[in-house]
PDB file of N, CA and C in Angstrom:
ATOM      1  N   UNK A   1     106.317 116.306  78.435  1.00  0.00           N
ATOM      2  CA  UNK A   1     106.696 114.800  78.064  1.00  0.00           C
ATOM      3  C   UNK A   1     106.657 113.944  79.414  1.00  0.00           C
ATOM      4  N   UNK A   2     107.114 114.393  80.512  1.00  0.00           N
ATOM      5  CA  UNK A   2     107.037 113.801  81.732  1.00  0.00           C
ATOM      6  C   UNK A   2     105.628 113.676  82.195  1.00  0.00           C
ATOM      7  N   UNK A   3     104.765 114.557  81.908  1.00  0.00           N
ATOM      8  CA  UNK A   3     103.315 114.541  82.188  1.00  0.00           C
ATOM      9  C   UNK A   3     102.734 113.583  81.410  1.00  0.00           C
ATOM     10  N   UNK A   4     103.073 113.391  80.022  1.00  0.00           N
ATOM     11  CA  UNK A   4     102.324 112.498  79.304  1.00  0.00           C
ATOM     12  C   UNK A   4     102.799 110.935  79.801  1.00  0.00           C
ATOM     13  N   UNK A   5     104.055 110.796  80.058  1.00  0.00           N
ATOM     14  CA  UNK A   5     104.447 109.473  80.611  1.00  0.00           C
ATOM     15  C   UNK A   5     103.769 109.132  81.840  1.00  0.00           C
ATOM     16  N   UNK A   6     103.489 110.116  82.772  1.00  0.00           N
ATOM     17  CA  UNK A   6     102.676 109.785  83.991  1.00  0.00           C
ATOM     18  C   UNK A   6     101.271 109.491  83.699  1.00  0.00           C
ATOM     19  N   UNK A   7     100.764 110.223  82.552  1.00  0.00           N
ATOM     20  CA  UNK A   7      99.331 110.048  82.203  1.00  0.00           C
ATOM     21  C   UNK A   7      99.150 108.577  81.697  1.00  0.00           C
ATOM     22  N   UNK A   8     100.130 108.180  80.771  1.00  0.00           N
ATOM     23  CA  UNK A   8      99.998 106.851  80.108  1.00  0.00           C
ATOM     24  C   UNK A   8     100.199 105.712  81.323  1.00  0.00           C
ATOM     25  N   UNK A   9     100.934 105.934  82.275  1.00  0.00           N
ATOM     26  CA  UNK A   9     101.226 104.905  83.283  1.00  0.00           C
ATOM     27  C   UNK A   9      99.845 104.910  84.262  1.00  0.00           C
ATOM     28  N   UNK A  10      99.337 106.005  84.426  1.00  0.00           N
ATOM     29  CA  UNK A  10      98.056 106.140  85.319  1.00  0.00           C
ATOM     30  C   UNK A  10      97.004 105.505  84.656  1.00  0.00           C
ATOM     31  N   UNK A  11      96.816 105.737  83.280  1.00  0.00           N
ATOM     32  CA  UNK A  11      95.716 105.114  82.588  1.00  0.00           C
ATOM     33  C   UNK A  11      95.852 103.626  82.536  1.00  0.00           C
ATOM     34  N   UNK A  12      97.056 103.157  82.307  1.00  0.00           N
ATOM     35  CA  UNK A  12      97.160 101.693  82.389  1.00  0.00           C
ATOM     36  C   UNK A  12      96.913 101.037  83.641  1.00  0.00           C
ATOM     37  N   UNK A  13      97.492 101.668  84.683  1.00  0.00           N
ATOM     38  CA  UNK A  13      97.107 101.226  86.068  1.00  0.00           C
ATOM     39  C   UNK A  13      95.616 101.269  86.409  1.00  0.00           C
ATOM     40  N   UNK A  14      95.055 102.339  85.999  1.00  0.00           N
ATOM     41  CA  UNK A  14      93.486 102.538  86.282  1.00  0.00           C
ATOM     42  C   UNK A  14      92.685 101.579  85.418  1.00  0.00           C
ATOM     43  N   UNK A  15      93.206 101.147  84.191  1.00  0.00           N
ATOM     44  CA  UNK A  15      92.491 100.231  83.285  1.00  0.00           C
ATOM     45  C   UNK A  15      92.352  98.920  83.769  1.00  0.00           C
ATOM     46  N   UNK A  16      93.185  98.499  84.756  1.00  0.00           N
ATOM     47  CA  UNK A  16      93.149  97.279  85.462  1.00  0.00           C
ATOM     48  C   UNK A  16      92.775  97.252  86.781  1.00  0.00           C
ATOM     49  N   UNK A  17      92.975  98.329  87.537  1.00  0.00           N
ATOM     50  CA  UNK A  17      92.605  98.335  88.983  1.00  0.00           C
ATOM     51  C   UNK A  17      91.829  99.708  89.148  1.00  0.00           C
ATOM     52  N   UNK A  18      90.653  99.575  89.435  1.00  0.00           N
ATOM     53  CA  UNK A  18      89.688 100.650  89.572  1.00  0.00           C
ATOM     54  C   UNK A  18      90.067 101.396  90.824  1.00  0.00           C
ATOM     55  N   UNK A  19      89.730 102.771  90.872  1.00  0.00           N
ATOM     56  CA  UNK A  19      90.014 103.464  91.827  1.00  0.00           C
ATOM     57  C   UNK A  19      89.006 103.272  92.979  1.00  0.00           C
ATOM     58  N   UNK A  20      87.748 102.942  92.575  1.00  0.00           N
ATOM     59  CA  UNK A  20      86.789 102.685  93.689  1.00  0.00           C
ATOM     60  C   UNK A  20      86.818 101.195  94.391  1.00  0.00           C
ATOM     61  N   UNK A  21      87.896 100.591  94.065  1.00  0.00           N
ATOM     62  CA  UNK A  21      88.149  99.375  94.791  1.00  0.00           C
ATOM     63  C   UNK A  21      87.361  98.039  94.233  1.00  0.00           C
ATOM     64  N   UNK A  22      86.451  98.292  93.217  1.00  0.00           N
ATOM     65  CA  UNK A  22      85.771  97.126  92.701  1.00  0.00           C
ATOM     66  C   UNK A  22      86.745  96.372  91.874  1.00  0.00           C
ATOM     67  N   UNK A  23      86.446  95.156  91.603  1.00  0.00           N
ATOM     68  CA  UNK A  23      87.356  94.278  90.882  1.00  0.00           C
ATOM     69  C   UNK A  23      87.332  94.630  89.366  1.00  0.00           C
ATOM     70  N   UNK A  24      88.552  94.732  88.869  1.00  0.00           N
ATOM     71  CA  UNK A  24      88.884  95.056  87.419  1.00  0.00           C
ATOM     72  C   UNK A  24      89.210  93.738  86.775  1.00  0.00           C
ATOM     73  N   UNK A  25      89.957  92.989  87.569  1.00  0.00           N
ATOM     74  CA  UNK A  25      90.406  91.564  86.943  1.00  0.00           C
ATOM     75  C   UNK A  25      90.360  90.668  87.847  1.00  0.00           C
ATOM     76  N   UNK A  26      89.996  89.564  87.425  1.00  0.00           N
ATOM     77  CA  UNK A  26      89.872  88.302  88.414  1.00  0.00           C
ATOM     78  C   UNK A  26      90.352  87.077  87.584  1.00  0.00           C
ATOM     79  N   UNK A  27      90.953  86.181  88.322  1.00  0.00           N
ATOM     80  CA  UNK A  27      91.462  84.875  87.668  1.00  0.00           C
ATOM     81  C   UNK A  27      90.323  83.680  88.139  1.00  0.00           C
ATOM     82  N   UNK A  28      89.962  83.084  87.082  1.00  0.00           N
ATOM     83  CA  UNK A  28      89.011  82.008  87.274  1.00  0.00           C
ATOM     84  C   UNK A  28      89.945  80.899  87.945  1.00  0.00           C
ATOM     85  N   UNK A  29      89.367  80.231  88.724  1.00  0.00           N
ATOM     86  CA  UNK A  29      90.035  78.874  89.224  1.00  0.00           C
ATOM     87  C   UNK A  29      90.517  77.997  88.326  1.00  0.00           C
ATOM     88  N   UNK A  30      91.664  77.514  88.339  1.00  0.00           N
ATOM     89  CA  UNK A  30      92.288  76.583  87.427  1.00  0.00           C
ATOM     90  C   UNK A  30      93.025  75.426  88.193  1.00  0.00           C
ATOM     91  N   UNK A  31      93.205  74.406  87.538  1.00  0.00           N
ATOM     92  CA  UNK A  31      93.868  73.158  88.094  1.00  0.00           C
ATOM     93  C   UNK A  31      95.404  73.480  88.474  1.00  0.00           C
ATOM     94  N   UNK A  32      96.060  74.035  87.659  1.00  0.00           N
ATOM     95  CA  UNK A  32      97.478  74.575  87.995  1.00  0.00           C
ATOM     96  C   UNK A  32      97.782  76.068  87.479  1.00  0.00           C
ATOM     97  N   UNK A  33      98.972  76.242  87.750  1.00  0.00           N
ATOM     98  CA  UNK A  33      99.312  77.620  87.453  1.00  0.00           C
ATOM     99  C   UNK A  33      99.725  77.938  86.063  1.00  0.00           C
ATOM    100  N   UNK A  34      99.741  76.957  85.145  1.00  0.00           N
ATOM    101  CA  UNK A  34     100.200  77.010  83.782  1.00  0.00           C
ATOM    102  C   UNK A  34      98.948  77.347  82.795  1.00  0.00           C
ATOM    103  N   UNK A  35      97.716  77.371  83.340  1.00  0.00           N
ATOM    104  CA  UNK A  35      96.625  77.626  82.599  1.00  0.00           C
ATOM    105  C   UNK A  35      95.551  78.445  83.292  1.00  0.00           C
ATOM    106  N   UNK A  36      94.977  79.427  82.756  1.00  0.00           N
ATOM    107  CA  UNK A  36      94.028  80.229  83.478  1.00  0.00           C
ATOM    108  C   UNK A  36      93.323  81.150  82.429  1.00  0.00           C
ATOM    109  N   UNK A  37      92.175  81.517  82.978  1.00  0.00           N
ATOM    110  CA  UNK A  37      91.314  82.418  82.226  1.00  0.00           C
ATOM    111  C   UNK A  37      90.995  83.665  83.209  1.00  0.00           C
ATOM    112  N   UNK A  38      91.217  84.909  82.552  1.00  0.00           N
ATOM    113  CA  UNK A  38      91.114  85.987  83.394  1.00  0.00           C
ATOM    114  C   UNK A  38      89.945  86.738  82.863  1.00  0.00           C
ATOM    115  N   UNK A  39      89.086  87.318  83.874  1.00  0.00           N
ATOM    116  CA  UNK A  39      87.957  88.126  83.524  1.00  0.00           C
ATOM    117  C   UNK A  39      88.534  89.553  83.726  1.00  0.00           C
ATOM    118  N   UNK A  40      88.502  90.519  82.588  1.00  0.00           N
ATOM    119  CA  UNK A  40      88.846  91.829  82.813  1.00  0.00           C
ATOM    120  C   UNK A  40      87.576  92.629  82.450  1.00  0.00           C
ATOM    121  N   UNK A  41      87.247  93.473  83.533  1.00  0.00           N
ATOM    122  CA  UNK A  41      86.082  94.299  83.383  1.00  0.00           C
ATOM    123  C   UNK A  41      86.279  95.561  82.906  1.00  0.00           C
ATOM    124  N   UNK A  42      85.374  96.080  82.146  1.00  0.00           N
ATOM    125  CA  UNK A  42      85.398  97.517  81.582  1.00  0.00           C
ATOM    126  C   UNK A  42      86.562  97.607  80.504  1.00  0.00           C
ATOM    127  N   UNK A  43      86.709  96.574  79.773  1.00  0.00           N
ATOM    128  CA  UNK A  43      87.726  96.716  78.737  1.00  0.00           C
ATOM    129  C   UNK A  43      87.064  95.944  77.433  1.00  0.00           C
ATOM    130  N   UNK A  44      87.645  96.304  76.375  1.00  0.00           N
ATOM    131  CA  UNK A  44      87.201  95.838  75.111  1.00  0.00           C
ATOM    132  C   UNK A  44      88.217  95.122  74.202  1.00  0.00           C
ATOM    133  N   UNK A  45      87.981  95.102  72.902  1.00  0.00           N
ATOM    134  CA  UNK A  45      88.887  94.688  71.837  1.00  0.00           C
ATOM    135  C   UNK A  45      90.140  95.431  72.005  1.00  0.00           C
ATOM    136  N   UNK A  46      90.420  96.604  72.147  1.00  0.00           N
ATOM    137  CA  UNK A  46      91.674  97.410  72.138  1.00  0.00           C
ATOM    138  C   UNK A  46      92.571  96.844  73.106  1.00  0.00           C
ATOM    139  N   UNK A  47      92.252  96.509  74.473  1.00  0.00           N
ATOM    140  CA  UNK A  47      93.212  95.926  75.426  1.00  0.00           C
ATOM    141  C   UNK A  47      93.383  94.405  75.001  1.00  0.00           C
ATOM    142  N   UNK A  48      92.204  93.739  74.675  1.00  0.00           N
ATOM    143  CA  UNK A  48      92.343  92.253  74.405  1.00  0.00           C
ATOM    144  C   UNK A  48      93.313  91.807  73.224  1.00  0.00           C
ATOM    145  N   UNK A  49      93.023  92.648  72.245  1.00  0.00           N
ATOM    146  CA  UNK A  49      93.829  92.271  71.109  1.00  0.00           C
ATOM    147  C   UNK A  49      95.376  92.654  71.436  1.00  0.00           C
ATOM    148  N   UNK A  50      95.594  93.786  71.959  1.00  0.00           N
ATOM    149  CA  UNK A  50      96.983  94.035  72.284  1.00  0.00           C
ATOM    150  C   UNK A  50      97.590  93.126  73.246  1.00  0.00           C
ATOM    151  N   UNK A  51      96.858  92.638  74.170  1.00  0.00           N
ATOM    152  CA  UNK A  51      97.466  91.662  75.164  1.00  0.00           C
ATOM    153  C   UNK A  51      97.609  90.290  74.390  1.00  0.00           C
ATOM    154  N   UNK A  52      96.712  89.902  73.603  1.00  0.00           N
ATOM    155  CA  UNK A  52      96.861  88.652  72.854  1.00  0.00           C
ATOM    156  C   UNK A  52      98.094  88.700  71.980  1.00  0.00           C
ATOM    157  N   UNK A  53      98.386  89.841  71.329  1.00  0.00           N
ATOM    158  CA  UNK A  53      99.532  89.973  70.488  1.00  0.00           C
ATOM    159  C   UNK A  53     100.837  89.780  71.335  1.00  0.00           C
ATOM    160  N   UNK A  54     100.942  90.476  72.335  1.00  0.00           N
ATOM    161  CA  UNK A  54     102.090  90.695  73.094  1.00  0.00           C
ATOM    162  C   UNK A  54     102.391  89.101  73.732  1.00  0.00           C
ATOM    163  N   UNK A  55     101.269  88.691  74.380  1.00  0.00           N
ATOM    164  CA  UNK A  55     101.379  87.202  74.922  1.00  0.00           C
ATOM    165  C   UNK A  55     101.813  86.146  73.818  1.00  0.00           C
ATOM    166  N   UNK A  56     101.294  86.305  72.637  1.00  0.00           N
ATOM    167  CA  UNK A  56     101.653  85.312  71.432  1.00  0.00           C
ATOM    168  C   UNK A  56     103.115  85.383  71.256  1.00  0.00           C
ATOM    169  N   UNK A  57     103.860  86.519  71.517  1.00  0.00           N
ATOM    170  CA  UNK A  57     105.168  86.692  71.172  1.00  0.00           C
ATOM    171  C   UNK A  57     106.211  85.979  72.331  1.00  0.00           C
ATOM    172  N   UNK A  58     105.598  85.663  73.311  1.00  0.00           N
ATOM    173  CA  UNK A  58     106.144  85.084  74.483  1.00  0.00           C
ATOM    174  C   UNK A  58     106.527  83.599  74.208  1.00  0.00           C
ATOM    175  N   UNK A  59     107.654  83.194  74.401  1.00  0.00           N
ATOM    176  CA  UNK A  59     108.007  81.857  73.972  1.00  0.00           C
ATOM    177  C   UNK A  59     107.483  80.775  74.993  1.00  0.00           C
ATOM    178  N   UNK A  60     107.143  81.203  76.211  1.00  0.00           N
ATOM    179  CA  UNK A  60     106.534  80.451  77.220  1.00  0.00           C
ATOM    180  C   UNK A  60     105.075  80.196  77.027  1.00  0.00           C
ATOM    181  N   UNK A  61     104.384  80.950  76.205  1.00  0.00           N
ATOM    182  CA  UNK A  61     102.948  80.874  76.035  1.00  0.00           C
ATOM    183  C   UNK A  61     102.720  79.827  74.845  1.00  0.00           C
ATOM    184  N   UNK A  62     101.984  78.837  75.185  1.00  0.00           N
ATOM    185  CA  UNK A  62     101.516  77.854  74.226  1.00  0.00           C
ATOM    186  C   UNK A  62     100.257  78.224  73.552  1.00  0.00           C
ATOM    187  N   UNK A  63      99.187  78.915  74.395  1.00  0.00           N
ATOM    188  CA  UNK A  63      97.998  79.344  73.691  1.00  0.00           C
ATOM    189  C   UNK A  63      97.606  80.582  74.360  1.00  0.00           C
ATOM    190  N   UNK A  64      97.067  81.486  73.604  1.00  0.00           N
ATOM    191  CA  UNK A  64      96.470  82.612  74.282  1.00  0.00           C
ATOM    192  C   UNK A  64      95.372  83.057  73.286  1.00  0.00           C
ATOM    193  N   UNK A  65      94.388  83.675  73.763  1.00  0.00           N
ATOM    194  CA  UNK A  65      93.243  84.262  73.116  1.00  0.00           C
ATOM    195  C   UNK A  65      92.292  84.953  74.097  1.00  0.00           C
ATOM    196  N   UNK A  66      91.401  85.716  73.413  1.00  0.00           N
ATOM    197  CA  UNK A  66      90.442  86.453  74.352  1.00  0.00           C
ATOM    198  C   UNK A  66      89.115  86.442  73.584  1.00  0.00           C
ATOM    199  N   UNK A  67      88.034  86.638  74.351  1.00  0.00           N
ATOM    200  CA  UNK A  67      86.549  86.758  73.863  1.00  0.00           C
ATOM    201  C   UNK A  67      85.874  87.897  74.519  1.00  0.00           C
ATOM    202  N   UNK A  68      85.022  88.407  73.853  1.00  0.00           N
ATOM    203  CA  UNK A  68      84.201  89.378  74.444  1.00  0.00           C
ATOM    204  C   UNK A  68      82.728  88.571  74.477  1.00  0.00           C
ATOM    205  N   UNK A  69      82.326  88.082  75.549  1.00  0.00           N
ATOM    206  CA  UNK A  69      81.050  87.201  75.759  1.00  0.00           C
ATOM    207  C   UNK A  69      80.066  87.724  75.017  1.00  0.00           C
ATOM    208  N   UNK A  70      79.641  88.977  75.240  1.00  0.00           N
ATOM    209  CA  UNK A  70      78.525  89.511  74.553  1.00  0.00           C
ATOM    210  C   UNK A  70      78.602  91.195  74.583  1.00  0.00           C
ATOM    211  N   UNK A  71      78.238  91.804  73.434  1.00  0.00           N
ATOM    212  CA  UNK A  71      78.451  93.183  73.458  1.00  0.00           C
ATOM    213  C   UNK A  71      77.715  93.853  74.667  1.00  0.00           C
ATOM    214  N   UNK A  72      76.702  93.442  75.087  1.00  0.00           N
ATOM    215  CA  UNK A  72      75.983  94.167  76.274  1.00  0.00           C
ATOM    216  C   UNK A  72      76.745  93.830  77.649  1.00  0.00           C
ATOM    217  N   UNK A  73      77.620  92.775  77.648  1.00  0.00           N
ATOM    218  CA  UNK A  73      78.337  92.420  78.869  1.00  0.00           C
ATOM    219  C   UNK A  73      79.657  93.243  78.784  1.00  0.00           C
ATOM    220  N   UNK A  74      79.959  93.850  79.717  1.00  0.00           N
ATOM    221  CA  UNK A  74      81.144  94.789  79.784  1.00  0.00           C
ATOM    222  C   UNK A  74      82.480  94.055  80.447  1.00  0.00           C
ATOM    223  N   UNK A  75      82.827  92.807  79.590  1.00  0.00           N
ATOM    224  CA  UNK A  75      83.581  91.972  80.337  1.00  0.00           C
ATOM    225  C   UNK A  75      84.596  91.411  79.077  1.00  0.00           C
ATOM    226  N   UNK A  76      85.870  91.131  79.291  1.00  0.00           N
ATOM    227  CA  UNK A  76      86.726  90.518  78.364  1.00  0.00           C
ATOM    228  C   UNK A  76      87.258  89.211  79.108  1.00  0.00           C
ATOM    229  N   UNK A  77      87.304  88.133  78.434  1.00  0.00           N
ATOM    230  CA  UNK A  77      87.915  86.888  78.948  1.00  0.00           C
ATOM    231  C   UNK A  77      89.202  86.670  78.157  1.00  0.00           C
ATOM    232  N   UNK A  78      90.321  86.578  78.914  1.00  0.00           N
ATOM    233  CA  UNK A  78      91.580  86.272  78.370  1.00  0.00           C
ATOM    234  C   UNK A  78      92.036  84.937  78.919  1.00  0.00           C
ATOM    235  N   UNK A  79      92.299  84.034  77.956  1.00  0.00           N
ATOM    236  CA  UNK A  79      92.852  82.673  78.173  1.00  0.00           C
ATOM    237  C   UNK A  79      94.311  82.760  77.928  1.00  0.00           C
ATOM    238  N   UNK A  80      95.085  81.971  78.821  1.00  0.00           N
ATOM    239  CA  UNK A  80      96.568  81.939  78.747  1.00  0.00           C
ATOM    240  C   UNK A  80      96.871  80.499  79.227  1.00  0.00           C
ATOM    241  N   UNK A  81      97.620  79.838  78.334  1.00  0.00           N
ATOM    242  CA  UNK A  81      98.190  78.454  78.658  1.00  0.00           C
ATOM    243  C   UNK A  81      99.738  78.530  78.360  1.00  0.00           C
ATOM    244  N   UNK A  82     100.568  78.211  79.407  1.00  0.00           N
ATOM    245  CA  UNK A  82     101.969  78.202  79.227  1.00  0.00           C
ATOM    246  C   UNK A  82     102.659  76.801  79.260  1.00  0.00           C
ATOM    247  N   UNK A  83     103.976  76.798  78.956  1.00  0.00           N
ATOM    248  CA  UNK A  83     104.622  75.529  79.198  1.00  0.00           C
ATOM    249  C   UNK A  83     104.847  75.123  80.638  1.00  0.00           C
ATOM    250  N   UNK A  84     105.650  75.733  81.220  1.00  0.00           N
ATOM    251  CA  UNK A  84     105.804  75.600  82.640  1.00  0.00           C
ATOM    252  C   UNK A  84     106.042  76.792  83.384  1.00  0.00           C
ATOM    253  N   UNK A  85     105.313  77.722  83.211  1.00  0.00           N
ATOM    254  CA  UNK A  85     105.479  79.180  83.690  1.00  0.00           C
ATOM    255  C   UNK A  85     104.091  79.687  84.335  1.00  0.00           C
ATOM    256  N   UNK A  86     104.107  80.197  85.486  1.00  0.00           N
ATOM    257  CA  UNK A  86     102.728  80.563  86.031  1.00  0.00           C
ATOM    258  C   UNK A  86     102.144  81.771  85.224  1.00  0.00           C
ATOM    259  N   UNK A  87     100.820  81.633  84.943  1.00  0.00           N
ATOM    260  CA  UNK A  87     100.112  82.567  84.086  1.00  0.00           C
ATOM    261  C   UNK A  87     100.244  83.957  84.700  1.00  0.00           C
ATOM    262  N   UNK A  88     100.037  84.034  85.960  1.00  0.00           N
ATOM    263  CA  UNK A  88     100.141  85.414  86.585  1.00  0.00           C
ATOM    264  C   UNK A  88     101.514  86.220  86.250  1.00  0.00           C
ATOM    265  N   UNK A  89     102.539  85.499  86.118  1.00  0.00           N
ATOM    266  CA  UNK A  89     103.845  86.208  85.927  1.00  0.00           C
ATOM    267  C   UNK A  89     103.923  86.489  84.256  1.00  0.00           C
ATOM    268  N   UNK A  90     103.363  85.554  83.695  1.00  0.00           N
ATOM    269  CA  UNK A  90     103.364  85.980  82.067  1.00  0.00           C
ATOM    270  C   UNK A  90     102.486  87.138  81.632  1.00  0.00           C
ATOM    271  N   UNK A  91     101.285  87.079  82.317  1.00  0.00           N
ATOM    272  CA  UNK A  91     100.419  88.216  82.230  1.00  0.00           C
ATOM    273  C   UNK A  91     100.956  89.566  82.792  1.00  0.00           C
ATOM    274  N   UNK A  92     101.828  89.494  83.917  1.00  0.00           N
ATOM    275  CA  UNK A  92     102.340  90.818  84.409  1.00  0.00           C
ATOM    276  C   UNK A  92     103.471  91.164  83.436  1.00  0.00           C
ATOM    277  N   UNK A  93     104.265  90.290  82.869  1.00  0.00           N
ATOM    278  CA  UNK A  93     105.238  90.543  82.017  1.00  0.00           C
ATOM    279  C   UNK A  93     104.612  91.149  80.671  1.00  0.00           C
ATOM    280  N   UNK A  94     103.609  90.512  80.129  1.00  0.00           N
ATOM    281  CA  UNK A  94     102.892  91.089  79.032  1.00  0.00           C
ATOM    282  C   UNK A  94     102.486  92.614  79.209  1.00  0.00           C
ATOM    283  N   UNK A  95     101.839  92.876  80.391  1.00  0.00           N
ATOM    284  CA  UNK A  95     101.364  94.046  80.685  1.00  0.00           C
ATOM    285  C   UNK A  95     102.597  95.143  80.874  1.00  0.00           C
ATOM    286  N   UNK A  96     103.725  94.659  81.407  1.00  0.00           N
ATOM    287  CA  UNK A  96     104.982  95.646  81.327  1.00  0.00           C
ATOM    288  C   UNK A  96     105.313  95.826  79.990  1.00  0.00           C
ATOM    289  N   UNK A  97     105.429  94.810  79.142  1.00  0.00           N
ATOM    290  CA  UNK A  97     105.895  95.136  77.742  1.00  0.00           C
ATOM    291  C   UNK A  97     104.960  95.997  77.004  1.00  0.00           C
ATOM    292  N   UNK A  98     103.496  95.713  77.226  1.00  0.00           N
ATOM    293  CA  UNK A  98     102.567  96.628  76.537  1.00  0.00           C
ATOM    294  C   UNK A  98     102.817  98.147  76.938  1.00  0.00           C
ATOM    295  N   UNK A  99     103.085  98.274  78.263  1.00  0.00           N
ATOM    296  CA  UNK A  99     103.267  99.587  78.691  1.00  0.00           C
ATOM    297  C   UNK A  99     104.446 100.196  78.206  1.00  0.00           C
ATOM    298  N   UNK A 100     105.614  99.437  77.936  1.00  0.00           N
ATOM    299  CA  UNK A 100     106.819  99.957  77.235  1.00  0.00           C
ATOM    300  C   UNK A 100     106.510 100.359  75.770  1.00  0.00           C
ATOM    301  N   UNK A 101     105.516  99.495  75.117  1.00  0.00           N
ATOM    302  CA  UNK A 101     105.301  99.769  73.800  1.00  0.00           C
ATOM    303  C   UNK A 101     104.474 101.107  73.638  1.00  0.00           C
ATOM    304  N   UNK A 102     103.556 101.195  74.548  1.00  0.00           N
ATOM    305  CA  UNK A 102     102.721 102.390  74.599  1.00  0.00           C
ATOM    306  C   UNK A 102     103.724 103.671  74.933  1.00  0.00           C
ATOM    307  N   UNK A 103     104.559 103.673  75.739  1.00  0.00           N
ATOM    308  CA  UNK A 103     105.480 104.687  76.221  1.00  0.00           C
ATOM    309  C   UNK A 103     106.282 105.029  74.992  1.00  0.00           C
ATOM    310  N   UNK A 104     106.824 103.954  74.158  1.00  0.00           N
ATOM    311  CA  UNK A 104     107.577 104.243  72.966  1.00  0.00           C
ATOM    312  C   UNK A 104     106.850 104.995  72.064  1.00  0.00           C
ATOM    313  N   UNK A 105     105.595 104.701  71.773  1.00  0.00           N
ATOM    314  CA  UNK A 105     104.818 105.298  70.823  1.00  0.00           C
ATOM    315  C   UNK A 105     104.542 106.733  71.224  1.00  0.00           C
ATOM    316  N   UNK A 106     104.178 106.956  72.485  1.00  0.00           N
ATOM    317  CA  UNK A 106     103.990 108.272  73.061  1.00  0.00           C
ATOM    318  C   UNK A 106     105.277 109.182  72.908  1.00  0.00           C
ATOM    319  N   UNK A 107     106.451 108.543  73.252  1.00  0.00           N
ATOM    320  CA  UNK A 107     107.690 109.315  73.112  1.00  0.00           C
ATOM    321  C   UNK A 107     107.885 109.652  71.708  1.00  0.00           C
ATOM    322  N   UNK A 108     107.718 108.832  70.823  1.00  0.00           N
ATOM    323  CA  UNK A 108     107.936 109.085  69.323  1.00  0.00           C
ATOM    324  C   UNK A 108     107.071 110.066  68.781  1.00  0.00           C
ATOM    325  N   UNK A 109     105.785 109.992  69.231  1.00  0.00           N
ATOM    326  CA  UNK A 109     104.811 110.986  68.720  1.00  0.00           C
ATOM    327  C   UNK A 109     105.215 112.380  69.276  1.00  0.00           C
ATOM    328  N   UNK A 110     105.406 112.355  70.582  1.00  0.00           N
ATOM    329  CA  UNK A 110     105.916 113.764  71.192  1.00  0.00           C
ATOM    330  C   UNK A 110     107.132 114.320  70.512  1.00  0.00           C
ATOM    331  N   UNK A 111     108.107 113.467  70.279  1.00  0.00           N
ATOM    332  CA  UNK A 111     109.322 114.044  69.530  1.00  0.00           C
ATOM    333  C   UNK A 111     108.877 114.637  68.165  1.00  0.00           C
ATOM    334  N   UNK A 112     108.111 113.851  67.369  1.00  0.00           N
ATOM    335  CA  UNK A 112     107.711 114.337  66.107  1.00  0.00           C
ATOM    336  C   UNK A 112     106.901 115.550  66.176  1.00  0.00           C
ATOM    337  N   UNK A 113     105.953 115.606  67.199  1.00  0.00           N
ATOM    338  CA  UNK A 113     105.230 117.011  67.293  1.00  0.00           C
ATOM    339  C   UNK A 113     106.211 118.151  67.495  1.00  0.00           C
ATOM    340  N   UNK A 114     107.128 117.916  68.458  1.00  0.00           N
ATOM    341  CA  UNK A 114     108.149 118.931  68.789  1.00  0.00           C
ATOM    342  C   UNK A 114     108.875 119.238  67.460  1.00  0.00           C
ATOM    343  N   UNK A 115     109.410 118.280  66.709  1.00  0.00           N
ATOM    344  CA  UNK A 115     110.048 118.546  65.548  1.00  0.00           C
ATOM    345  C   UNK A 115     109.272 119.333  64.487  1.00  0.00           C
ATOM    346  N   UNK A 116     107.950 119.001  64.397  1.00  0.00           N
ATOM    347  CA  UNK A 116     107.094 119.656  63.461  1.00  0.00           C
ATOM    348  C   UNK A 116     106.851 121.173  64.026  1.00  0.00           C
ATOM    349  N   UNK A 117     106.805 121.432  65.174  1.00  0.00           N
ATOM    350  CA  UNK A 117     106.469 122.736  65.692  1.00  0.00           C
ATOM    351  C   UNK A 117     107.664 123.517  65.525  1.00  0.00           C
ATOM    352  N   UNK A 118     108.909 123.012  65.829  1.00  0.00           N
ATOM    353  CA  UNK A 118     110.151 123.782  65.592  1.00  0.00           C
ATOM    354  C   UNK A 118     110.354 124.115  64.036  1.00  0.00           C
ATOM    355  N   UNK A 119     109.992 123.189  63.177  1.00  0.00           N
ATOM    356  CA  UNK A 119     110.240 123.427  61.693  1.00  0.00           C
ATOM    357  C   UNK A 119     109.248 124.411  61.115  1.00  0.00           C
ATOM    358  N   UNK A 120     107.901 124.347  61.793  1.00  0.00           N
ATOM    359  CA  UNK A 120     106.921 125.268  61.372  1.00  0.00           C
ATOM    360  C   UNK A 120     107.302 126.637  61.833  1.00  0.00           C
ATOM    361  N   UNK A 121     107.889 126.806  62.959  1.00  0.00           N
ATOM    362  CA  UNK A 121     108.201 128.169  63.440  1.00  0.00           C
ATOM    363  C   UNK A 121     109.280 128.664  62.643  1.00  0.00           C
ATOM    364  N   UNK A 122     110.414 127.982  62.351  1.00  0.00           N
ATOM    365  CA  UNK A 122     111.541 128.242  61.528  1.00  0.00           C
ATOM    366  C   UNK A 122     111.115 128.619  60.091  1.00  0.00           C
ATOM    367  N   UNK A 123     110.116 127.937  59.550  1.00  0.00           N
ATOM    368  CA  UNK A 123     109.695 128.173  58.153  1.00  0.00           C
ATOM    369  C   UNK A 123     108.777 129.476  58.103  1.00  0.00           C
ATOM    370  N   UNK A 124     108.067 129.882  59.058  1.00  0.00           N
ATOM    371  CA  UNK A 124     107.205 131.093  59.298  1.00  0.00           C
ATOM    372  C   UNK A 124     108.160 132.249  59.348  1.00  0.00           C
ATOM    373  N   UNK A 125     109.315 132.017  59.999  1.00  0.00           N
ATOM    374  CA  UNK A 125     110.276 133.159  60.288  1.00  0.00           C
ATOM    375  C   UNK A 125     110.962 133.425  58.794  1.00  0.00           C
ATOM    376  N   UNK A 126     111.036 132.594  57.924  1.00  0.00           N
ATOM    377  CA  UNK A 126     111.845 132.679  56.575  1.00  0.00           C
ATOM    378  C   UNK A 126     110.940 133.528  55.631  1.00  0.00           C
TER     379      UNK A 126
END
C-alpha cells in the first residue's frame, strides 16, 4: 500500500515535471495573475478533464476549460480565470486536490482487493 502511494505521487510529479529537465508545463504571458493559459506537454484528455472538473468546483474560479489543439500535437492548453486569486495558486491547489482524489481511489481499491483476497481464502478453506 505504501509502495502504491509512492507510485501515484511519483507518477503525478513526473506527469508535470519531466525527469530530463524539458518543460512539461509553461504559463503563457498574461496581463494579470487572475487569468492565464497553461501549456501542458505530453498530456491528454485524461488530465485535462480531471483538472477542469476540480478547478470548476473552486469558488475562486470564474472560468476554466482546456483544449487539445490538434491530435498530432502533444499538448494540452488549460485556461483559468479567477475572481481575485493568482492562477498559479489555484492550479497548485487543484493538483493537490486531484492527487488526494487519486490517492483515495487507490486506497479504496487496495482495501477492496485485500478484502476480496481474504474472503476468497476463507471461502476456499470451507
